[in-house]
Amino acid sequence: MGDESLSASAAALAWLGLVDSGRYHDSWQQMSAFARGAISADDFVQKLADARGPLGRARSRKLSRSTPMTQVQGAPDGEYVVLEFDSEFANGMALTERVTPVREADGSFRVAGYYLT
């Protein structure tokens, strides 16, 4: 994995730690500027609570795929890394978490998208 993917992965894991702890508002605050502009904090917190709350904390999480991209549907062109984690949660469910960090203007990566499948 290249430096870009390592930086994106570290940002994603730190962000997922907030989500695992139920700190949904903090996770919204740590998202990319584009993501925060696309959804209000209240709407994001509600959607994340609905999706993640019943699952509980992640018991295990393993990176299964890392794909650098410059275009992501519904977002401006940029330097993205789509990360897929095979995750098992406290309630026993196993799902794929897809986390998409983007490089911000200051050079840091911040999460721009999160999906469970």
N, C-alpha and C. Protein backbone atom coordinates (compact mmCIF):
# COMPACT_ATOMS: atom_id res chain seq x y z
N MET A 1 0.86 -1.18 0.00
CA MET A 1 0.00 0.00 0.00
C MET A 1 0.90 1.24 0.00
N GLY A 2 0.60 2.21 -0.86
CA GLY A 2 1.39 3.43 -0.96
C GLY A 2 1.12 4.38 0.19
N ASP A 3 1.94 5.43 0.25
CA ASP A 3 1.80 6.44 1.31
C ASP A 3 0.41 7.06 1.30
N GLU A 4 -0.12 7.34 0.09
CA GLU A 4 -1.45 7.93 -0.02
C GLU A 4 -2.50 7.02 0.61
N SER A 5 -2.44 5.73 0.29
CA SER A 5 -3.41 4.79 0.84
C SER A 5 -3.24 4.62 2.34
N LEU A 6 -2.00 4.66 2.82
CA LEU A 6 -1.76 4.55 4.26
C LEU A 6 -2.35 5.76 5.00
N SER A 7 -2.15 6.95 4.45
CA SER A 7 -2.71 8.16 5.07
C SER A 7 -4.23 8.13 5.06
N ALA A 8 -4.81 7.70 3.94
CA ALA A 8 -6.26 7.61 3.83
C ALA A 8 -6.80 6.56 4.80
N SER A 9 -6.12 5.43 4.90
CA SER A 9 -6.54 4.36 5.80
C SER A 9 -6.47 4.81 7.26
N ALA A 10 -5.41 5.52 7.63
CA ALA A 10 -5.29 6.02 9.00
C ALA A 10 -6.42 6.99 9.31
N ALA A 11 -6.75 7.87 8.37
CA ALA A 11 -7.85 8.82 8.57
C ALA A 11 -9.17 8.08 8.71
N ALA A 12 -9.38 7.06 7.87
CA ALA A 12 -10.62 6.29 7.92
C ALA A 12 -10.76 5.55 9.25
N LEU A 13 -9.68 4.94 9.71
CA LEU A 13 -9.75 4.19 10.97
C LEU A 13 -9.98 5.11 12.17
N ALA A 14 -9.37 6.28 12.16
CA ALA A 14 -9.62 7.24 13.24
C ALA A 14 -11.09 7.66 13.23
N TRP A 15 -11.62 7.92 12.04
CA TRP A 15 -13.02 8.31 11.91
C TRP A 15 -13.95 7.17 12.35
N LEU A 16 -13.63 5.96 11.94
CA LEU A 16 -14.44 4.81 12.34
C LEU A 16 -14.42 4.61 13.86
N GLY A 17 -13.32 4.98 14.50
CA GLY A 17 -13.27 4.91 15.96
C GLY A 17 -14.31 5.80 16.61
N LEU A 18 -14.52 6.99 16.03
CA LEU A 18 -15.58 7.88 16.53
C LEU A 18 -16.95 7.23 16.35
N VAL A 19 -17.16 6.64 15.18
CA VAL A 19 -18.44 6.00 14.89
C VAL A 19 -18.67 4.83 15.84
N ASP A 20 -17.64 3.99 16.02
CA ASP A 20 -17.76 2.84 16.93
C ASP A 20 -18.12 3.27 18.35
N SER A 21 -17.65 4.44 18.75
CA SER A 21 -17.92 4.95 20.10
C SER A 21 -19.26 5.66 20.20
N GLY A 22 -20.00 5.71 19.10
CA GLY A 22 -21.29 6.39 19.12
C GLY A 22 -21.16 7.90 19.06
N ARG A 23 -20.00 8.40 18.72
CA ARG A 23 -19.76 9.85 18.67
C ARG A 23 -20.07 10.34 17.25
N TYR A 24 -21.34 10.22 16.88
CA TYR A 24 -21.76 10.49 15.50
C TYR A 24 -21.61 11.96 15.14
N HIS A 25 -21.91 12.86 16.05
CA HIS A 25 -21.76 14.29 15.74
C HIS A 25 -20.28 14.62 15.55
N ASP A 26 -19.42 14.06 16.39
CA ASP A 26 -17.98 14.28 16.22
C ASP A 26 -17.51 13.74 14.88
N SER A 27 -18.06 12.60 14.46
CA SER A 27 -17.65 12.03 13.18
C SER A 27 -18.07 12.95 12.03
N TRP A 28 -19.25 13.57 12.13
CA TRP A 28 -19.68 14.54 11.10
C TRP A 28 -18.70 15.72 11.06
N GLN A 29 -18.30 16.21 12.23
CA GLN A 29 -17.38 17.34 12.29
C GLN A 29 -16.02 17.00 11.68
N GLN A 30 -15.64 15.74 11.70
CA GLN A 30 -14.34 15.32 11.16
C GLN A 30 -14.40 14.94 9.68
N MET A 31 -15.57 15.04 9.07
CA MET A 31 -15.70 14.70 7.65
C MET A 31 -15.16 15.81 6.77
N SER A 32 -15.04 15.52 5.49
CA SER A 32 -14.54 16.50 4.53
C SER A 32 -15.50 17.69 4.43
N ALA A 33 -14.97 18.80 3.97
CA ALA A 33 -15.79 20.00 3.80
C ALA A 33 -16.95 19.72 2.85
N PHE A 34 -16.69 18.99 1.76
CA PHE A 34 -17.76 18.66 0.82
C PHE A 34 -18.87 17.87 1.51
N ALA A 35 -18.50 16.85 2.28
CA ALA A 35 -19.50 16.00 2.95
C ALA A 35 -20.33 16.81 3.95
N ARG A 36 -19.67 17.67 4.72
CA ARG A 36 -20.41 18.49 5.70
C ARG A 36 -21.36 19.45 5.00
N GLY A 37 -21.01 19.90 3.80
CA GLY A 37 -21.88 20.78 3.04
C GLY A 37 -23.04 20.05 2.38
N ALA A 38 -22.88 18.74 2.21
CA ALA A 38 -23.91 17.95 1.51
C ALA A 38 -25.01 17.45 2.43
N ILE A 39 -24.75 17.38 3.74
CA ILE A 39 -25.75 16.88 4.69
C ILE A 39 -25.57 17.61 6.02
N SER A 40 -26.69 17.98 6.62
CA SER A 40 -26.61 18.67 7.91
C SER A 40 -26.16 17.71 8.99
N ALA A 41 -25.62 18.26 10.06
CA ALA A 41 -25.17 17.43 11.18
C ALA A 41 -26.33 16.61 11.73
N ASP A 42 -27.49 17.22 11.92
CA ASP A 42 -28.63 16.51 12.48
C ASP A 42 -29.07 15.34 11.60
N ASP A 43 -29.13 15.57 10.27
CA ASP A 43 -29.53 14.50 9.36
C ASP A 43 -28.49 13.38 9.34
N PHE A 44 -27.22 13.77 9.34
CA PHE A 44 -26.15 12.77 9.33
C PHE A 44 -26.19 11.92 10.59
N VAL A 45 -26.31 12.58 11.73
CA VAL A 45 -26.34 11.86 13.00
C VAL A 45 -27.51 10.88 13.03
N GLN A 46 -28.68 11.31 12.57
CA GLN A 46 -29.86 10.44 12.57
C GLN A 46 -29.65 9.24 11.66
N LYS A 47 -29.14 9.47 10.45
CA LYS A 47 -28.93 8.37 9.50
C LYS A 47 -27.88 7.39 10.01
N LEU A 48 -26.81 7.92 10.58
CA LEU A 48 -25.76 7.05 11.10
C LEU A 48 -26.24 6.27 12.32
N ALA A 49 -26.99 6.92 13.19
CA ALA A 49 -27.54 6.23 14.36
C ALA A 49 -28.47 5.10 13.92
N ASP A 50 -29.28 5.35 12.90
CA ASP A 50 -30.20 4.32 12.40
C ASP A 50 -29.44 3.13 11.81
N ALA A 51 -28.35 3.44 11.09
CA ALA A 51 -27.60 2.39 10.40
C ALA A 51 -26.64 1.64 11.33
N ARG A 52 -25.93 2.38 12.17
CA ARG A 52 -24.88 1.76 12.98
C ARG A 52 -25.30 1.41 14.40
N GLY A 53 -26.23 2.17 14.95
CA GLY A 53 -26.64 1.93 16.33
C GLY A 53 -26.99 0.48 16.63
N PRO A 54 -27.84 -0.16 15.81
CA PRO A 54 -28.22 -1.55 16.09
C PRO A 54 -27.07 -2.55 15.97
N LEU A 55 -26.02 -2.19 15.27
CA LEU A 55 -24.90 -3.11 15.06
C LEU A 55 -23.96 -3.17 16.26
N GLY A 56 -23.85 -2.09 17.01
CA GLY A 56 -22.89 -2.02 18.10
C GLY A 56 -21.49 -1.74 17.57
N ARG A 57 -20.52 -1.84 18.44
CA ARG A 57 -19.12 -1.59 18.06
C ARG A 57 -18.63 -2.68 17.10
N ALA A 58 -17.65 -2.33 16.30
CA ALA A 58 -17.00 -3.33 15.45
C ALA A 58 -16.13 -4.21 16.34
N ARG A 59 -16.31 -5.53 16.22
CA ARG A 59 -15.46 -6.47 16.95
C ARG A 59 -14.19 -6.76 16.17
N SER A 60 -14.32 -6.73 14.84
CA SER A 60 -13.14 -6.90 13.99
C SER A 60 -13.37 -6.09 12.72
N ARG A 61 -12.27 -5.68 12.13
CA ARG A 61 -12.33 -4.86 10.91
C ARG A 61 -11.02 -5.11 10.16
N LYS A 62 -11.14 -5.62 8.93
CA LYS A 62 -9.95 -5.92 8.12
C LYS A 62 -10.09 -5.24 6.77
N LEU A 63 -9.07 -4.49 6.39
CA LEU A 63 -9.06 -3.84 5.09
C LEU A 63 -8.97 -4.90 4.00
N SER A 64 -9.94 -4.92 3.10
CA SER A 64 -9.94 -5.91 2.03
C SER A 64 -9.62 -5.31 0.67
N ARG A 65 -9.83 -3.99 0.51
CA ARG A 65 -9.56 -3.36 -0.77
C ARG A 65 -9.28 -1.88 -0.57
N SER A 66 -8.33 -1.36 -1.35
CA SER A 66 -7.99 0.06 -1.35
C SER A 66 -7.85 0.49 -2.80
N THR A 67 -8.71 1.42 -3.24
CA THR A 67 -8.73 1.83 -4.63
C THR A 67 -8.62 3.34 -4.75
N PRO A 68 -7.48 3.86 -5.22
CA PRO A 68 -7.37 5.30 -5.46
C PRO A 68 -8.25 5.69 -6.65
N MET A 69 -8.90 6.85 -6.55
CA MET A 69 -9.78 7.34 -7.61
C MET A 69 -9.68 8.86 -7.68
N THR A 70 -9.98 9.40 -8.84
CA THR A 70 -10.06 10.86 -8.97
C THR A 70 -11.49 11.33 -9.17
N GLN A 71 -12.39 10.38 -9.46
CA GLN A 71 -13.81 10.72 -9.62
C GLN A 71 -14.64 9.75 -8.81
N VAL A 72 -15.57 10.31 -8.04
CA VAL A 72 -16.51 9.53 -7.24
C VAL A 72 -17.90 10.09 -7.54
N GLN A 73 -18.84 9.21 -7.79
CA GLN A 73 -20.19 9.64 -8.15
C GLN A 73 -20.77 10.60 -7.12
N GLY A 74 -21.29 11.72 -7.60
CA GLY A 74 -21.96 12.69 -6.74
C GLY A 74 -21.03 13.63 -5.99
N ALA A 75 -19.74 13.58 -6.30
CA ALA A 75 -18.77 14.42 -5.60
C ALA A 75 -17.85 15.10 -6.63
N PRO A 76 -17.25 16.20 -6.24
CA PRO A 76 -16.32 16.87 -7.17
C PRO A 76 -15.07 16.02 -7.39
N ASP A 77 -14.43 16.20 -8.52
CA ASP A 77 -13.17 15.50 -8.78
C ASP A 77 -12.18 15.82 -7.67
N GLY A 78 -11.37 14.86 -7.34
CA GLY A 78 -10.38 15.05 -6.28
C GLY A 78 -9.53 13.81 -6.14
N GLU A 79 -8.80 13.75 -5.06
CA GLU A 79 -7.91 12.63 -4.76
C GLU A 79 -8.56 11.77 -3.67
N TYR A 80 -9.28 10.74 -4.10
CA TYR A 80 -10.03 9.86 -3.22
C TYR A 80 -9.32 8.52 -3.09
N VAL A 81 -9.60 7.83 -1.99
CA VAL A 81 -9.21 6.44 -1.84
C VAL A 81 -10.44 5.72 -1.28
N VAL A 82 -10.95 4.78 -2.07
CA VAL A 82 -12.11 4.00 -1.62
C VAL A 82 -11.56 2.78 -0.87
N LEU A 83 -11.91 2.69 0.40
CA LEU A 83 -11.45 1.62 1.28
C LEU A 83 -12.62 0.72 1.64
N GLU A 84 -12.42 -0.58 1.51
CA GLU A 84 -13.45 -1.53 1.92
C GLU A 84 -12.90 -2.38 3.05
N PHE A 85 -13.68 -2.43 4.12
CA PHE A 85 -13.31 -3.20 5.30
C PHE A 85 -14.33 -4.32 5.50
N ASP A 86 -13.85 -5.54 5.72
CA ASP A 86 -14.71 -6.64 6.13
C ASP A 86 -14.82 -6.52 7.65
N SER A 87 -16.02 -6.24 8.12
CA SER A 87 -16.21 -5.93 9.54
C SER A 87 -17.25 -6.85 10.17
N GLU A 88 -17.00 -7.20 11.43
CA GLU A 88 -17.97 -7.95 12.23
C GLU A 88 -18.31 -7.09 13.44
N PHE A 89 -19.60 -7.02 13.74
CA PHE A 89 -20.07 -6.12 14.78
C PHE A 89 -20.53 -6.88 16.02
N ALA A 90 -20.72 -6.13 17.10
CA ALA A 90 -21.09 -6.71 18.39
C ALA A 90 -22.37 -7.53 18.32
N ASN A 91 -23.29 -7.16 17.42
CA ASN A 91 -24.54 -7.92 17.32
C ASN A 91 -24.38 -9.19 16.51
N GLY A 92 -23.16 -9.48 16.02
CA GLY A 92 -22.88 -10.70 15.27
C GLY A 92 -22.96 -10.55 13.77
N MET A 93 -23.45 -9.42 13.27
CA MET A 93 -23.53 -9.22 11.82
C MET A 93 -22.16 -8.97 11.22
N ALA A 94 -21.95 -9.51 10.03
CA ALA A 94 -20.74 -9.26 9.26
C ALA A 94 -21.15 -8.46 8.02
N LEU A 95 -20.55 -7.30 7.83
CA LEU A 95 -20.87 -6.41 6.72
C LEU A 95 -19.58 -5.83 6.15
N THR A 96 -19.71 -5.26 4.96
CA THR A 96 -18.61 -4.51 4.38
C THR A 96 -18.84 -3.03 4.65
N GLU A 97 -17.84 -2.38 5.22
CA GLU A 97 -17.87 -0.94 5.41
C GLU A 97 -17.04 -0.32 4.29
N ARG A 98 -17.66 0.59 3.55
CA ARG A 98 -16.95 1.29 2.48
C ARG A 98 -16.76 2.73 2.93
N VAL A 99 -15.51 3.10 3.14
CA VAL A 99 -15.16 4.43 3.63
C VAL A 99 -14.34 5.11 2.53
N THR A 100 -14.72 6.35 2.19
CA THR A 100 -14.04 7.06 1.11
C THR A 100 -13.45 8.36 1.63
N PRO A 101 -12.17 8.34 1.99
CA PRO A 101 -11.50 9.59 2.34
C PRO A 101 -11.11 10.37 1.07
N VAL A 102 -11.01 11.67 1.20
CA VAL A 102 -10.57 12.55 0.12
C VAL A 102 -9.48 13.47 0.69
N ARG A 103 -8.51 13.80 -0.16
CA ARG A 103 -7.47 14.73 0.28
C ARG A 103 -8.05 16.14 0.27
N GLU A 104 -7.96 16.82 1.40
CA GLU A 104 -8.46 18.18 1.53
C GLU A 104 -7.40 19.17 1.06
N ALA A 105 -7.78 20.44 0.99
CA ALA A 105 -6.86 21.50 0.52
C ALA A 105 -5.60 21.58 1.37
N ASP A 106 -5.69 21.23 2.66
CA ASP A 106 -4.51 21.29 3.54
C ASP A 106 -3.62 20.06 3.42
N GLY A 107 -4.00 19.12 2.54
CA GLY A 107 -3.19 17.93 2.32
C GLY A 107 -3.61 16.73 3.15
N SER A 108 -4.46 16.93 4.15
CA SER A 108 -4.90 15.82 4.99
C SER A 108 -6.06 15.08 4.32
N PHE A 109 -6.25 13.83 4.72
CA PHE A 109 -7.40 13.07 4.25
C PHE A 109 -8.52 13.17 5.28
N ARG A 110 -9.74 13.33 4.78
CA ARG A 110 -10.94 13.32 5.61
C ARG A 110 -12.01 12.48 4.91
N VAL A 111 -12.83 11.83 5.69
CA VAL A 111 -13.87 10.96 5.13
C VAL A 111 -14.91 11.78 4.39
N ALA A 112 -15.20 11.35 3.16
CA ALA A 112 -16.21 12.01 2.34
C ALA A 112 -17.46 11.15 2.20
N GLY A 113 -17.35 9.84 2.47
CA GLY A 113 -18.50 8.96 2.33
C GLY A 113 -18.33 7.70 3.15
N TYR A 114 -19.48 7.14 3.55
CA TYR A 114 -19.50 5.91 4.35
C TYR A 114 -20.75 5.12 3.98
N TYR A 115 -20.56 3.84 3.65
CA TYR A 115 -21.67 2.98 3.27
C TYR A 115 -21.47 1.61 3.87
N LEU A 116 -22.57 0.99 4.24
CA LEU A 116 -22.57 -0.38 4.74
C LEU A 116 -23.26 -1.28 3.72
N THR A 117 -22.66 -2.42 3.42
CA THR A 117 -23.30 -3.39 2.52
C THR A 117 -23.14 -4.77 3.06
